[in-house]
Each structure stands twice: as structure tokens, then as C-alpha cells.
PDB file of N, CA and C in Angstrom:
ATOM      1  N   MET A   1     114.781  76.762-170.435  1.00  0.00           N
ATOM      2  CA  MET A   1     116.012  76.681-169.680  1.00  0.00           C
ATOM      3  C   MET A   1     117.137  77.323-170.485  1.00  0.00           C
ATOM      4  N   GLU A   2     118.205  77.650-169.819  1.00  0.00           N
ATOM      5  CA  GLU A   2     119.303  78.360-170.455  1.00  0.00           C
ATOM      6  C   GLU A   2     120.058  77.523-171.483  1.00  0.00           C
ATOM      7  N   ASP A   3     120.104  76.217-171.289  1.00  0.00           N
ATOM      8  CA  ASP A   3     120.873  75.381-172.209  1.00  0.00           C
ATOM      9  C   ASP A   3     120.031  74.870-173.385  1.00  0.00           C
ATOM     10  N   GLY A   4     118.830  75.391-173.531  1.00  0.00           N
ATOM     11  CA  GLY A   4     118.023  75.042-174.687  1.00  0.00           C
ATOM     12  C   GLY A   4     117.082  73.868-174.472  1.00  0.00           C
ATOM     13  N   ARG A   5     117.161  73.203-173.321  1.00  0.00           N
ATOM     14  CA  ARG A   5     116.256  72.084-173.059  1.00  0.00           C
ATOM     15  C   ARG A   5     114.930  72.618-172.516  1.00  0.00           C
ATOM     16  N   GLU A   6     113.865  71.910-172.818  1.00  0.00           N
ATOM     17  CA  GLU A   6     112.572  72.267-172.264  1.00  0.00           C
ATOM     18  C   GLU A   6     112.371  71.533-170.956  1.00  0.00           C
ATOM     19  N   TYR A   7     111.692  72.191-170.026  1.00  0.00           N
ATOM     20  CA  TYR A   7     111.375  71.550-168.759  1.00  0.00           C
ATOM     21  C   TYR A   7     110.086  70.772-168.900  1.00  0.00           C
ATOM     22  N   VAL A   8     110.145  69.496-168.588  1.00  0.00           N
ATOM     23  CA  VAL A   8     108.966  68.639-168.609  1.00  0.00           C
ATOM     24  C   VAL A   8     108.468  68.538-167.171  1.00  0.00           C
ATOM     25  N   PRO A   9     107.189  68.843-166.900  1.00  0.00           N
ATOM     26  CA  PRO A   9     106.707  68.890-165.519  1.00  0.00           C
ATOM     27  C   PRO A   9     106.926  67.616-164.719  1.00  0.00           C
ATOM     28  N   GLY A  10     106.908  66.451-165.319  1.00  0.00           N
ATOM     29  CA  GLY A  10     107.087  65.207-164.586  1.00  0.00           C
ATOM     30  C   GLY A  10     108.543  64.834-164.363  1.00  0.00           C
ATOM     31  N   GLU A  11     109.445  65.600-164.944  1.00  0.00           N
ATOM     32  CA  GLU A  11     110.874  65.284-164.868  1.00  0.00           C
ATOM     33  C   GLU A  11     111.491  65.941-163.632  1.00  0.00           C
ATOM     34  N   ARG A  12     112.210  65.150-162.837  1.00  0.00           N
ATOM     35  CA  ARG A  12     112.879  65.686-161.651  1.00  0.00           C
ATOM     36  C   ARG A  12     114.289  66.111-162.020  1.00  0.00           C
ATOM     37  N   PRO A  13     114.735  67.210-161.446  1.00  0.00           N
ATOM     38  CA  PRO A  13     116.130  67.591-161.670  1.00  0.00           C
ATOM     39  C   PRO A  13     117.067  66.533-161.079  1.00  0.00           C
ATOM     40  N   GLY A  14     118.226  66.376-161.677  1.00  0.00           N
ATOM     41  CA  GLY A  14     119.157  65.336-161.248  1.00  0.00           C
ATOM     42  C   GLY A  14     119.654  65.495-159.831  1.00  0.00           C
ATOM     43  N   TRP A  15     119.761  66.730-159.341  1.00  0.00           N
ATOM     44  CA  TRP A  15     120.294  66.919-157.993  1.00  0.00           C
ATOM     45  C   TRP A  15     119.339  66.410-156.922  1.00  0.00           C
ATOM     46  N   VAL A  16     118.035  66.391-157.208  1.00  0.00           N
ATOM     47  CA  VAL A  16     117.070  65.889-156.227  1.00  0.00           C
ATOM     48  C   VAL A  16     117.255  64.383-156.045  1.00  0.00           C
ATOM     49  N   ILE A  17     117.386  63.679-157.136  1.00  0.00           N
ATOM     50  CA  ILE A  17     117.585  62.225-157.071  1.00  0.00           C
ATOM     51  C   ILE A  17     118.918  61.914-156.401  1.00  0.00           C
ATOM     52  N   ASN A  18     119.945  62.688-156.743  1.00  0.00           N
ATOM     53  CA  ASN A  18     121.261  62.499-156.136  1.00  0.00           C
ATOM     54  C   ASN A  18     121.192  62.722-154.629  1.00  0.00           C
ATOM     55  N   PHE A  19     120.504  63.766-154.185  1.00  0.00           N
ATOM     56  CA  PHE A  19     120.359  64.057-152.763  1.00  0.00           C
ATOM     57  C   PHE A  19     119.644  62.923-152.041  1.00  0.00           C
ATOM     58  N   VAL A  20     118.561  62.440-152.618  1.00  0.00           N
ATOM     59  CA  VAL A  20     117.775  61.377-151.987  1.00  0.00           C
ATOM     60  C   VAL A  20     118.594  60.100-151.865  1.00  0.00           C
ATOM     61  N   ILE A  21     119.342  59.752-152.893  1.00  0.00           N
ATOM     62  CA  ILE A  21     120.162  58.539-152.845  1.00  0.00           C
ATOM     63  C   ILE A  21     121.240  58.666-151.777  1.00  0.00           C
ATOM     64  N   ARG A  22     121.922  59.820-151.734  1.00  0.00           N
ATOM     65  CA  ARG A  22     122.959  60.023-150.715  1.00  0.00           C
ATOM     66  C   ARG A  22     122.371  60.030-149.312  1.00  0.00           C
ATOM     67  N   ALA A  23     121.201  60.645-149.147  1.00  0.00           N
ATOM     68  CA  ALA A  23     120.569  60.698-147.829  1.00  0.00           C
ATOM     69  C   ALA A  23     120.168  59.303-147.357  1.00  0.00           C
ATOM     70  N   LEU A  24     119.581  58.510-148.234  1.00  0.00           N
ATOM     71  CA  LEU A  24     119.176  57.147-147.856  1.00  0.00           C
ATOM     72  C   LEU A  24     120.397  56.268-147.570  1.00  0.00           C
ATOM     73  N   ALA A  25     121.431  56.394-148.391  1.00  0.00           N
ATOM     74  CA  ALA A  25     122.648  55.618-148.144  1.00  0.00           C
ATOM     75  C   ALA A  25     123.280  56.034-146.825  1.00  0.00           C
ATOM     76  N   GLY A  26     123.300  57.324-146.550  1.00  0.00           N
ATOM     77  CA  GLY A  26     123.858  57.808-145.286  1.00  0.00           C
ATOM     78  C   GLY A  26     123.081  57.314-144.086  1.00  0.00           C
ATOM     79  N   MET A  27     121.747  57.318-144.178  1.00  0.00           N
ATOM     80  CA  MET A  27     120.937  56.825-143.067  1.00  0.00           C
ATOM     81  C   MET A  27     121.163  55.325-142.847  1.00  0.00           C
ATOM     82  N   ALA A  28     121.326  54.580-143.922  1.00  0.00           N
ATOM     83  CA  ALA A  28     121.596  53.146-143.799  1.00  0.00           C
ATOM     84  C   ALA A  28     122.954  52.913-143.137  1.00  0.00           C
ATOM     85  N   VAL A  29     123.959  53.693-143.539  1.00  0.00           N
ATOM     86  CA  VAL A  29     125.292  53.549-142.938  1.00  0.00           C
ATOM     87  C   VAL A  29     125.227  53.892-141.458  1.00  0.00           C
ATOM     88  N   ILE A  30     124.538  54.968-141.099  1.00  0.00           N
ATOM     89  CA  ILE A  30     124.414  55.343-139.690  1.00  0.00           C
ATOM     90  C   ILE A  30     123.722  54.243-138.903  1.00  0.00           C
ATOM     91  N   PHE A  31     122.650  53.689-139.460  1.00  0.00           N
ATOM     92  CA  PHE A  31     121.927  52.628-138.768  1.00  0.00           C
ATOM     93  C   PHE A  31     122.830  51.424-138.497  1.00  0.00           C
ATOM     94  N   PHE A  32     123.550  50.968-139.523  1.00  0.00           N
ATOM     95  CA  PHE A  32     124.372  49.777-139.358  1.00  0.00           C
ATOM     96  C   PHE A  32     125.615  50.034-138.507  1.00  0.00           C
ATOM     97  N   VAL A  33     126.204  51.217-138.606  1.00  0.00           N
ATOM     98  CA  VAL A  33     127.352  51.528-137.744  1.00  0.00           C
ATOM     99  C   VAL A  33     126.894  51.639-136.295  1.00  0.00           C
ATOM    100  N   ASN A  34     125.742  52.260-136.050  1.00  0.00           N
ATOM    101  CA  ASN A  34     125.206  52.325-134.688  1.00  0.00           C
ATOM    102  C   ASN A  34     124.959  50.921-134.135  1.00  0.00           C
ATOM    103  N   TYR A  35     124.406  50.047-134.968  1.00  0.00           N
ATOM    104  CA  TYR A  35     124.152  48.668-134.546  1.00  0.00           C
ATOM    105  C   TYR A  35     125.468  47.955-134.229  1.00  0.00           C
ATOM    106  N   PHE A  36     126.474  48.136-135.085  1.00  0.00           N
ATOM    107  CA  PHE A  36     127.777  47.505-134.869  1.00  0.00           C
ATOM    108  C   PHE A  36     128.419  48.014-133.583  1.00  0.00           C
ATOM    109  N   LEU A  37     128.412  49.315-133.370  1.00  0.00           N
ATOM    110  CA  LEU A  37     129.014  49.870-132.159  1.00  0.00           C
ATOM    111  C   LEU A  37     128.266  49.415-130.909  1.00  0.00           C
ATOM    112  N   ASP A  38     126.936  49.345-130.988  1.00  0.00           N
ATOM    113  CA  ASP A  38     126.151  48.888-129.840  1.00  0.00           C
ATOM    114  C   ASP A  38     126.434  47.425-129.526  1.00  0.00           C
ATOM    115  N   SER A  39     126.626  46.599-130.554  1.00  0.00           N
ATOM    116  CA  SER A  39     126.917  45.183-130.309  1.00  0.00           C
ATOM    117  C   SER A  39     128.289  44.981-129.681  1.00  0.00           C
ATOM    118  N   ARG A  40     129.189  45.935-129.877  1.00  0.00           N
ATOM    119  CA  ARG A  40     130.522  45.888-129.270  1.00  0.00           C
ATOM    120  C   ARG A  40     130.572  46.571-127.915  1.00  0.00           C
ATOM    121  N   GLY A  41     129.449  47.154-127.481  1.00  0.00           N
ATOM    122  CA  GLY A  41     129.395  47.817-126.188  1.00  0.00           C
ATOM    123  C   GLY A  41     129.975  49.224-126.199  1.00  0.00           C
ATOM    124  N   ILE A  42     130.101  49.834-127.362  1.00  0.00           N
ATOM    125  CA  ILE A  42     130.631  51.187-127.479  1.00  0.00           C
ATOM    126  C   ILE A  42     129.449  52.142-127.570  1.00  0.00           C
ATOM    127  N   ASP A  43     129.406  53.100-126.640  1.00  0.00           N
ATOM    128  CA  ASP A  43     128.275  54.022-126.570  1.00  0.00           C
ATOM    129  C   ASP A  43     128.609  55.320-127.299  1.00  0.00           C
ATOM    130  N   MET A  44     128.671  55.257-128.624  1.00  0.00           N
ATOM    131  CA  MET A  44     128.942  56.435-129.459  1.00  0.00           C
ATOM    132  C   MET A  44     128.032  56.386-130.673  1.00  0.00           C
ATOM    133  N   ALA A  45     126.757  56.603-130.467  1.00  0.00           N
ATOM    134  CA  ALA A  45     125.793  56.506-131.560  1.00  0.00           C
ATOM    135  C   ALA A  45     125.460  57.888-132.105  1.00  0.00           C
ATOM    136  N   VAL A  46     125.290  57.960-133.400  1.00  0.00           N
ATOM    137  CA  VAL A  46     124.809  59.173-134.062  1.00  0.00           C
ATOM    138  C   VAL A  46     123.306  59.029-134.199  1.00  0.00           C
ATOM    139  N   GLY A  47     122.580  60.063-133.814  1.00  0.00           N
ATOM    140  CA  GLY A  47     121.130  60.022-133.910  1.00  0.00           C
ATOM    141  C   GLY A  47     120.665  60.071-135.356  1.00  0.00           C
ATOM    142  N   ILE A  48     119.522  59.454-135.594  1.00  0.00           N
ATOM    143  CA  ILE A  48     118.921  59.484-136.921  1.00  0.00           C
ATOM    144  C   ILE A  48     117.802  60.511-136.867  1.00  0.00           C
ATOM    145  N   GLY A  49     118.054  61.650-137.489  1.00  0.00           N
ATOM    146  CA  GLY A  49     117.095  62.749-137.453  1.00  0.00           C
ATOM    147  C   GLY A  49     117.300  63.673-138.632  1.00  0.00           C
ATOM    148  N   PRO A  50     116.638  64.830-138.588  1.00  0.00           N
ATOM    149  CA  PRO A  50     116.711  65.751-139.727  1.00  0.00           C
ATOM    150  C   PRO A  50     118.118  66.278-140.000  1.00  0.00           C
ATOM    151  N   VAL A  51     118.893  66.562-138.960  1.00  0.00           N
ATOM    152  CA  VAL A  51     120.250  67.083-139.170  1.00  0.00           C
ATOM    153  C   VAL A  51     121.138  66.012-139.810  1.00  0.00           C
ATOM    154  N   SER A  52     121.015  64.782-139.349  1.00  0.00           N
ATOM    155  CA  SER A  52     121.786  63.688-139.943  1.00  0.00           C
ATOM    156  C   SER A  52     121.360  63.453-141.387  1.00  0.00           C
ATOM    157  N   LEU A  53     120.072  63.543-141.643  1.00  0.00           N
ATOM    158  CA  LEU A  53     119.561  63.359-143.000  1.00  0.00           C
ATOM    159  C   LEU A  53     120.113  64.437-143.937  1.00  0.00           C
ATOM    160  N   LEU A  54     120.069  65.686-143.503  1.00  0.00           N
ATOM    161  CA  LEU A  54     120.580  66.772-144.334  1.00  0.00           C
ATOM    162  C   LEU A  54     122.086  66.673-144.533  1.00  0.00           C
ATOM    163  N   THR A  55     122.814  66.328-143.465  1.00  0.00           N
ATOM    164  CA  THR A  55     124.266  66.218-143.573  1.00  0.00           C
ATOM    165  C   THR A  55     124.661  65.113-144.533  1.00  0.00           C
ATOM    166  N   SER A  56     124.034  63.948-144.396  1.00  0.00           N
ATOM    167  CA  SER A  56     124.381  62.846-145.298  1.00  0.00           C
ATOM    168  C   SER A  56     123.872  63.102-146.711  1.00  0.00           C
ATOM    169  N   GLY A  57     122.772  63.829-146.857  1.00  0.00           N
ATOM    170  CA  GLY A  57     122.258  64.135-148.186  1.00  0.00           C
ATOM    171  C   GLY A  57     123.124  65.134-148.927  1.00  0.00           C
ATOM    172  N   VAL A  58     123.644  66.114-148.218  1.00  0.00           N
ATOM    173  CA  VAL A  58     124.465  67.141-148.858  1.00  0.00           C
ATOM    174  C   VAL A  58     125.907  66.671-149.030  1.00  0.00           C
ATOM    175  N   LEU A  59     126.482  66.066-147.987  1.00  0.00           N
ATOM    176  CA  LEU A  59     127.904  65.704-148.013  1.00  0.00           C
ATOM    177  C   LEU A  59     128.162  64.238-148.355  1.00  0.00           C
ATOM    178  N   GLY A  60     127.153  63.392-148.270  1.00  0.00           N
ATOM    179  CA  GLY A  60     127.335  61.978-148.574  1.00  0.00           C
ATOM    180  C   GLY A  60     128.005  61.225-147.427  1.00  0.00           C
ATOM    181  N   ILE A  61     128.734  60.185-147.757  1.00  0.00           N
ATOM    182  CA  ILE A  61     129.396  59.353-146.754  1.00  0.00           C
ATOM    183  C   ILE A  61     130.441  60.144-145.960  1.00  0.00           C
ATOM    184  N   PRO A  62     131.205  61.066-146.573  1.00  0.00           N
ATOM    185  CA  PRO A  62     132.095  61.896-145.745  1.00  0.00           C
ATOM    186  C   PRO A  62     131.333  62.709-144.696  1.00  0.00           C
ATOM    187  N   GLY A  63     130.112  63.081-144.972  1.00  0.00           N
ATOM    188  CA  GLY A  63     129.289  63.763-143.977  1.00  0.00           C
ATOM    189  C   GLY A  63     128.948  62.860-142.810  1.00  0.00           C
ATOM    190  N   VAL A  64     128.716  61.584-143.092  1.00  0.00           N
ATOM    191  CA  VAL A  64     128.463  60.614-142.024  1.00  0.00           C
ATOM    192  C   VAL A  64     129.720  60.457-141.173  1.00  0.00           C
ATOM    193  N   ALA A  65     130.876  60.401-141.823  1.00  0.00           N
ATOM    194  CA  ALA A  65     132.138  60.322-141.072  1.00  0.00           C
ATOM    195  C   ALA A  65     132.320  61.570-140.207  1.00  0.00           C
ATOM    196  N   LEU A  66     131.919  62.724-140.723  1.00  0.00           N
ATOM    197  CA  LEU A  66     131.983  63.965-139.952  1.00  0.00           C
ATOM    198  C   LEU A  66     131.096  63.877-138.714  1.00  0.00           C
ATOM    199  N   LEU A  67     129.903  63.336-138.857  1.00  0.00           N
ATOM    200  CA  LEU A  67     129.011  63.177-137.709  1.00  0.00           C
ATOM    201  C   LEU A  67     129.629  62.282-136.644  1.00  0.00           C
ATOM    202  N   TYR A  68     130.244  61.180-137.058  1.00  0.00           N
ATOM    203  CA  TYR A  68     130.898  60.304-136.089  1.00  0.00           C
ATOM    204  C   TYR A  68     132.130  60.972-135.484  1.00  0.00           C
ATOM    205  N   GLY A  69     132.822  61.813-136.257  1.00  0.00           N
ATOM    206  CA  GLY A  69     133.940  62.562-135.721  1.00  0.00           C
ATOM    207  C   GLY A  69     133.499  63.536-134.646  1.00  0.00           C
ATOM    208  N   ILE A  70     132.347  64.174-134.855  1.00  0.00           N
ATOM    209  CA  ILE A  70     131.807  65.099-133.853  1.00  0.00           C
ATOM    210  C   ILE A  70     131.449  64.349-132.593  1.00  0.00           C
ATOM    211  N   VAL A  71     130.821  63.181-132.726  1.00  0.00           N
ATOM    212  CA  VAL A  71     130.457  62.379-131.561  1.00  0.00           C
ATOM    213  C   VAL A  71     131.721  61.923-130.818  1.00  0.00           C
ATOM    214  N   LEU A  72     132.751  61.541-131.556  1.00  0.00           N
ATOM    215  CA  LEU A  72     134.012  61.130-130.937  1.00  0.00           C
ATOM    216  C   LEU A  72     134.639  62.298-130.189  1.00  0.00           C
ATOM    217  N   TYR A  73     134.636  63.477-130.793  1.00  0.00           N
ATOM    218  CA  TYR A  73     135.198  64.665-130.156  1.00  0.00           C
ATOM    219  C   TYR A  73     134.433  65.016-128.870  1.00  0.00           C
ATOM    220  N   GLN A  74     133.112  64.882-128.887  1.00  0.00           N
ATOM    221  CA  GLN A  74     132.318  65.180-127.702  1.00  0.00           C
ATOM    222  C   GLN A  74     132.563  64.195-126.577  1.00  0.00           C
ATOM    223  N   SER A  75     132.975  62.982-126.909  1.00  0.00           N
ATOM    224  CA  SER A  75     133.179  61.972-125.870  1.00  0.00           C
ATOM    225  C   SER A  75     134.563  62.076-125.214  1.00  0.00           C
ATOM    226  N   LEU A  76     135.441  62.920-125.751  1.00  0.00           N
ATOM    227  CA  LEU A  76     136.776  63.072-125.166  1.00  0.00           C
ATOM    228  C   LEU A  76     136.751  63.894-123.911  1.00  0.00           C
TER     229      LEU A  76
END
């Protein structure tokens, strides 16, 4: 590697772990917000799928807010 460290085959790069944690946290937030909105009778759910997974994995919680903003904009 350029910074002088050796690559160990079993070692994962830090960005992969960071992406997975953000993606899982984002999916959990989407699930619970969808449940909360459904219990209040508000029909504005964000789907749980590959696009939501990628958005929450790359952008984190602000990406989840962006998804809900898009759903809100579409409902106007």
C-alpha cells in the first residue's frame, strides 16, 4: 500500500464496515419510521429495497431523511 502498511487478506477496509453499519442503521430507521407513520394512519412509507439500502449506506441518516423528503414531495 502507499502508506507503507501491508495488506492482510483477512482484513477488511474500514469503509466497508462503515458502509454496512450505516446501511443497517438506515434500514432500521426506515423500518421504525414506517411503523410509526402507519400506526398514526399516515400513508407515506419509504420502501425497503436496494435503492434505500445504497442511499442509507452512502449518505447515512441524512440519506434516509432525503428519502422521506422525496416521498413527501411526491405526495404534494
